[in-house]
Protein backbone atom coordinates (compact mmCIF):
# COMPACT_ATOMS: atom_id res chain seq x y z
CA UNK A 1 9.27 -7.77 -17.96
CA UNK A 2 10.26 -4.49 -16.30
CA UNK A 3 11.75 -3.35 -12.99
CA UNK A 4 12.92 -0.07 -11.52
CA UNK A 5 16.24 0.33 -9.70
CA UNK A 6 16.84 3.03 -7.09
CA UNK A 7 20.36 3.64 -5.77
CA UNK A 8 21.85 5.20 -2.65
CA UNK A 9 25.30 5.32 -1.08
CA UNK A 10 25.39 3.71 2.38
CA UNK A 11 28.70 4.29 4.17
CA UNK A 12 31.24 1.47 3.77
CA UNK A 13 28.90 -0.53 1.55
CA UNK A 14 29.11 2.14 -1.12
CA UNK A 15 26.27 2.12 -3.62
CA UNK A 16 23.31 -0.08 -2.73
CA UNK A 17 20.53 -0.70 -5.24
CA UNK A 18 16.85 -1.25 -4.43
CA UNK A 19 14.16 -2.97 -6.48
CA UNK A 20 10.80 -2.50 -4.74
CA UNK A 21 7.66 -4.47 -5.67
CA UNK A 22 9.31 -5.69 -8.81
CA UNK A 23 10.01 -6.94 -11.33
CA UNK A 24 6.64 -6.85 -13.09
CA UNK A 25 5.85 -9.61 -15.56
CA UNK A 26 2.86 -11.19 -17.24
CA UNK A 27 3.39 -14.62 -15.71
CA UNK A 28 5.17 -16.19 -12.74
CA UNK A 29 7.59 -18.21 -14.88
CA UNK A 30 9.14 -14.96 -16.11
CA UNK A 31 9.63 -13.82 -12.51
CA UNK A 32 11.41 -17.03 -11.58
CA UNK A 33 13.64 -16.67 -14.62
CA UNK A 34 14.49 -13.10 -13.57
CA UNK A 35 15.89 -14.34 -10.26
CA UNK A 36 18.49 -16.31 -12.19
CA UNK A 37 19.44 -13.81 -14.89
CA UNK A 38 19.13 -10.34 -13.29
CA UNK A 39 22.90 -10.21 -12.69
CA UNK A 40 23.47 -10.04 -16.46
CA UNK A 41 22.16 -6.45 -16.26
CA UNK A 42 23.77 -5.60 -12.92
CA UNK A 43 27.34 -4.72 -11.90
CA UNK A 44 27.54 -6.84 -8.76
CA UNK A 45 26.83 -4.11 -6.19
CA UNK A 46 24.68 -5.00 -3.16
CA UNK A 47 20.99 -5.12 -4.03
CA UNK A 48 17.91 -5.09 -1.81
CA UNK A 49 14.78 -6.65 -3.26
CA UNK A 50 11.27 -6.13 -1.92
CA UNK A 51 9.92 -9.17 -3.69
CA UNK A 52 6.41 -9.74 -4.95
CA UNK A 53 5.51 -12.94 -6.73
CA UNK A 54 8.86 -14.75 -6.54
CA UNK A 55 8.96 -17.84 -4.32
CA UNK A 56 11.32 -17.82 -1.34
CA UNK A 57 13.06 -21.00 -2.49
CA UNK A 58 13.73 -19.39 -5.88
CA UNK A 59 15.29 -16.31 -4.27
CA UNK A 60 17.36 -18.41 -1.89
CA UNK A 61 18.64 -20.54 -4.78
CA UNK A 62 19.64 -17.32 -6.56
CA UNK A 63 21.74 -16.24 -3.58
CA UNK A 64 19.36 -13.78 -1.90
CA UNK A 65 19.52 -13.47 1.89
CA UNK A 66 16.23 -12.83 3.81
CA UNK A 67 16.16 -9.57 5.79
CA UNK A 68 12.50 -9.03 6.69
CA UNK A 69 9.53 -11.39 6.74
CA UNK A 70 6.79 -10.72 4.19
CA UNK A 71 4.14 -8.09 4.87
CA UNK A 72 0.49 -8.62 3.93
CA UNK A 73 -1.50 -5.98 2.04
CA UNK A 74 -5.23 -5.47 1.72
CA UNK A 75 -6.13 -5.33 -1.97
CA UNK A 76 -9.69 -4.23 -2.73
CA UNK A 77 -11.18 -5.19 -6.13
CA UNK A 78 -13.30 -2.52 -7.82
CA UNK A 79 -16.11 -2.88 -10.31
CA UNK A 80 -19.88 -2.71 -10.50
CA UNK A 81 -21.42 -0.78 -7.58
CA UNK A 82 -23.99 -3.48 -6.75
CA UNK A 83 -21.31 -6.16 -6.71
CA UNK A 84 -19.01 -4.08 -4.50
CA UNK A 85 -21.84 -3.43 -2.04
CA UNK A 86 -22.73 -7.13 -1.92
CA UNK A 87 -19.10 -7.94 -1.10
CA UNK A 88 -19.05 -5.68 1.98
CA UNK A 89 -19.07 -7.56 5.28
CA UNK A 90 -22.34 -7.22 7.16
CA UNK A 91 -21.07 -5.01 10.02
CA UNK A 92 -19.25 -2.75 7.55
CA UNK A 93 -22.40 -2.44 5.43
CA UNK A 94 -24.53 -1.69 8.50
CA UNK A 95 -22.21 1.17 9.48
CA UNK A 96 -22.34 2.49 5.93
CA UNK A 97 -26.13 2.36 5.99
CA UNK A 98 -26.22 4.32 9.25
CA UNK A 99 -23.95 7.12 8.06
CA UNK A 100 -25.85 7.37 4.78
CA UNK A 101 -28.96 8.20 6.79
CA UNK A 102 -27.22 11.23 8.32
CA UNK A 103 -26.37 14.58 6.74
CA UNK A 104 -22.69 13.64 6.30
CA UNK A 105 -21.55 14.39 2.75
CA UNK A 106 -18.36 13.51 0.89
CA UNK A 107 -16.59 15.88 -1.48
CA UNK A 108 -13.68 15.12 -3.78
CA UNK A 109 -10.93 17.71 -3.92
CA UNK A 110 -7.25 18.19 -4.69
CA UNK A 111 -4.58 17.80 -2.03
CA UNK A 112 -3.39 21.11 -0.59
CA UNK A 113 0.23 21.88 0.31
CA UNK A 114 -0.85 22.79 3.86
CA UNK A 115 -3.67 20.28 4.21
CA UNK A 116 -5.33 19.46 7.52
CA UNK A 117 -5.20 15.79 6.48
CA UNK A 118 -1.40 15.87 6.22
CA UNK A 119 -1.11 17.58 9.60
CA UNK A 120 -3.48 15.08 11.21
CA UNK A 121 -1.48 12.19 9.77
CA UNK A 122 1.81 13.60 11.10
CA UNK A 123 0.33 14.10 14.58
CA UNK A 124 -1.23 10.63 14.61
CA UNK A 125 2.05 9.00 13.56
CA UNK A 126 3.88 10.81 16.35
CA UNK A 127 1.28 9.80 18.94
CA UNK A 128 1.11 6.15 17.86
CA UNK A 129 4.86 5.83 17.27
CA UNK A 130 4.82 4.64 13.67
CA UNK A 131 6.70 5.91 10.63
CA UNK A 132 5.33 6.26 7.14
CA UNK A 133 6.19 8.29 4.09
CA UNK A 134 6.48 11.97 5.06
CA UNK A 135 3.76 14.46 4.06
CA UNK A 136 6.24 15.95 1.57
CA UNK A 137 5.97 12.73 -0.47
CA UNK A 138 2.23 13.16 -0.97
CA UNK A 139 2.66 16.84 -1.86
CA UNK A 140 5.41 16.01 -4.35
CA UNK A 141 3.25 13.29 -5.94
CA UNK A 142 0.37 15.74 -6.28
CA UNK A 143 2.59 18.37 -7.90
CA UNK A 144 4.18 15.90 -10.30
CA UNK A 145 0.88 14.21 -11.20
CA UNK A 146 -1.87 16.83 -11.45
CA UNK A 147 -5.31 15.36 -10.79
CA UNK A 148 -3.99 12.01 -9.54
CA UNK A 149 -3.79 12.80 -5.81
CA UNK A 150 -7.44 12.89 -4.74
CA UNK A 151 -8.77 13.71 -1.29
CA UNK A 152 -12.21 12.33 -0.43
CA UNK A 153 -13.41 14.40 2.52
CA UNK A 154 -16.45 13.78 4.73
CA UNK A 155 -18.13 16.91 6.11
CA UNK A 156 -20.69 17.28 8.87
CA UNK A 157 -22.28 20.60 9.78
CA UNK A 158 -19.79 22.33 7.50
CA UNK A 159 -16.71 20.81 9.16
CA UNK A 160 -14.38 18.04 7.89
CA UNK A 161 -14.69 14.92 10.07
CA UNK A 162 -12.80 12.33 8.02
CA UNK A 163 -10.75 12.14 4.83
CA UNK A 164 -8.67 9.77 2.74
CA UNK A 165 -5.96 10.55 0.21
CA UNK A 166 -5.98 8.28 -2.83
CA UNK A 167 -3.02 8.24 -5.20
CA UNK A 168 -3.97 7.11 -8.70
CA UNK A 169 -1.41 5.24 -10.81
CA UNK A 170 -2.20 3.06 -13.78
CA UNK A 171 -5.14 0.77 -13.16
CA UNK A 172 -4.54 0.77 -9.40
CA UNK A 173 -5.05 3.39 -6.71
CA UNK A 174 -3.35 3.50 -3.31
CA UNK A 175 -4.96 4.58 -0.05
CA UNK A 176 -2.06 6.71 1.10
CA UNK A 177 -3.52 8.45 4.16
CA UNK A 178 -6.75 8.16 6.11
CA UNK A 179 -7.72 10.18 9.19
CA UNK A 180 -10.91 10.68 11.14
CA UNK A 181 -11.84 13.04 13.97
CA UNK A 182 -13.62 11.89 17.12
CA UNK A 183 -16.89 13.11 15.63
CA UNK A 184 -16.11 11.31 12.40
CA UNK A 185 -15.54 8.03 14.20
CA UNK A 186 -18.85 8.38 16.04
CA UNK A 187 -20.60 8.92 12.70
CA UNK A 188 -18.77 6.09 10.86
CA UNK A 189 -17.71 8.78 8.40
CA UNK A 190 -14.71 6.83 7.10
CA UNK A 191 -17.03 4.09 5.84
CA UNK A 192 -18.76 6.68 3.67
CA UNK A 193 -15.44 8.20 2.58
CA UNK A 194 -14.07 4.89 1.36
CA UNK A 195 -17.36 3.84 -0.22
CA UNK A 196 -17.57 7.06 -2.25
CA UNK A 197 -13.90 6.68 -3.23
CA UNK A 198 -14.49 3.08 -4.34
CA UNK A 199 -17.29 4.11 -6.67
CA UNK A 200 -15.49 7.14 -8.06
CA UNK A 201 -12.25 5.26 -8.72
CA UNK A 202 -14.14 2.40 -10.37
CA UNK A 203 -15.85 4.87 -12.70
CA UNK A 204 -12.42 6.33 -13.51
CA UNK A 205 -11.26 2.91 -14.74
CA UNK A 206 -9.29 1.62 -11.76
CA UNK A 207 -9.43 -2.11 -11.03
CA UNK A 208 -8.33 -2.16 -7.40
CA UNK A 209 -7.22 -0.15 -4.38
CA UNK A 210 -4.12 -0.98 -2.36
CA UNK A 211 -5.32 -0.41 1.21
CA UNK A 212 -1.86 -0.85 2.69
CA UNK A 213 -0.46 -3.23 5.27
CA UNK A 214 -2.72 -5.50 7.35
CA UNK A 215 -1.36 -5.64 10.90
CA UNK A 216 -3.51 -7.69 13.27
CA UNK A 217 -1.02 -7.35 16.10
CA UNK A 218 -0.60 -3.57 16.28
CA UNK A 219 -3.66 -2.29 14.39
CA UNK A 220 -6.40 -4.89 14.72
CA UNK A 221 -9.25 -2.40 14.35
CA UNK A 222 -7.85 -0.88 11.17
CA UNK A 223 -7.21 -4.34 9.75
CA UNK A 224 -10.84 -5.34 10.39
CA UNK A 225 -11.98 -2.11 8.74
CA UNK A 226 -9.94 -2.83 5.61
CA UNK A 227 -11.04 -6.45 5.32
CA UNK A 228 -14.65 -5.42 5.91
CA UNK A 229 -14.64 -3.79 2.47
CA UNK A 230 -14.25 -7.18 0.84
CA UNK A 231 -10.52 -6.72 0.34
CA UNK A 232 -8.36 -9.81 -0.03
CA UNK A 233 -5.13 -10.37 1.86
CA UNK A 234 -2.14 -10.32 -0.49
CA UNK A 235 1.12 -11.55 1.03
CA UNK A 236 4.27 -10.00 -0.40
CA UNK A 237 7.56 -11.81 -0.82
CA UNK A 238 9.60 -10.20 1.96
CA UNK A 239 12.79 -8.13 1.82
CA UNK A 240 15.96 -9.80 0.53
CA UNK A 241 19.60 -8.83 0.13
CA UNK A 242 21.98 -10.03 -2.56
CA UNK A 243 25.59 -9.56 -1.47
CA UNK A 244 28.43 -11.40 -3.15
CA UNK A 245 29.99 -12.80 0.03
CA UNK A 246 26.62 -13.98 1.42
CA UNK A 247 25.18 -15.48 -1.76
CA UNK A 248 26.79 -18.96 -1.42
CA UNK A 249 25.57 -19.30 2.19
CA UNK A 250 22.07 -18.10 1.34
CA UNK A 251 21.54 -21.16 -0.80
CA UNK A 252 21.91 -23.38 2.28
CA UNK A 253 19.55 -21.52 4.62
CA UNK A 254 16.84 -23.66 6.25
CA UNK A 255 13.28 -23.16 5.04
CA UNK A 256 12.12 -21.74 8.39
CA UNK A 257 14.39 -18.71 7.91
CA UNK A 258 12.82 -17.89 4.56
CA UNK A 259 9.11 -18.12 5.39
């Protein structure tokens, strides 16, 4: 069983540790055991845990206090091309069929430091009022991991109309950024982008793609697009805080506060 700890100093709290999407273990029993014994390897400082795979009642019993309700991710299994195509929802497959009958092509390339995709993402985030990882994160990942930050770009009449940045790590890949122009949306270019990425990543030995958060309330169209690929909804375990003075009270929280 392994987990990664990140630390930062936050004003009067001093050092605060973060374990995100961890720990990682072969079976769920090991995860539940970790919730009880992690303090043997820790010095008692405040710790934030973005849990995945540990039951809320187990975390509460271990003295963790819930901060944020769990998010749900779209996780897309990869494999044989015929099987992946059969798993596509009908409307998604119809759009893919239509764009495949056009002259839209998809090329795979490396991420550039000054990439139009990064600029489009920054502008879109500002317009829609959401915050994600800054473009500098994707650039830093690409520089630190040559060949593992792949842009799949759809082109029509010589111009880019849609693109997705896939970050490859282990047997999984993450859809980090996806943007489409008005022309790209009219052509259903993103369907072709993701379909080509699915096949290429499967051939490279990846088992699944993390498509990011599913948000029916604020991004219903994007959520339908992700689920149309045959992705399954994977609910994370929420964000929790372990703080010495709160731990005894956390054990008595009602279930409705830990859902």
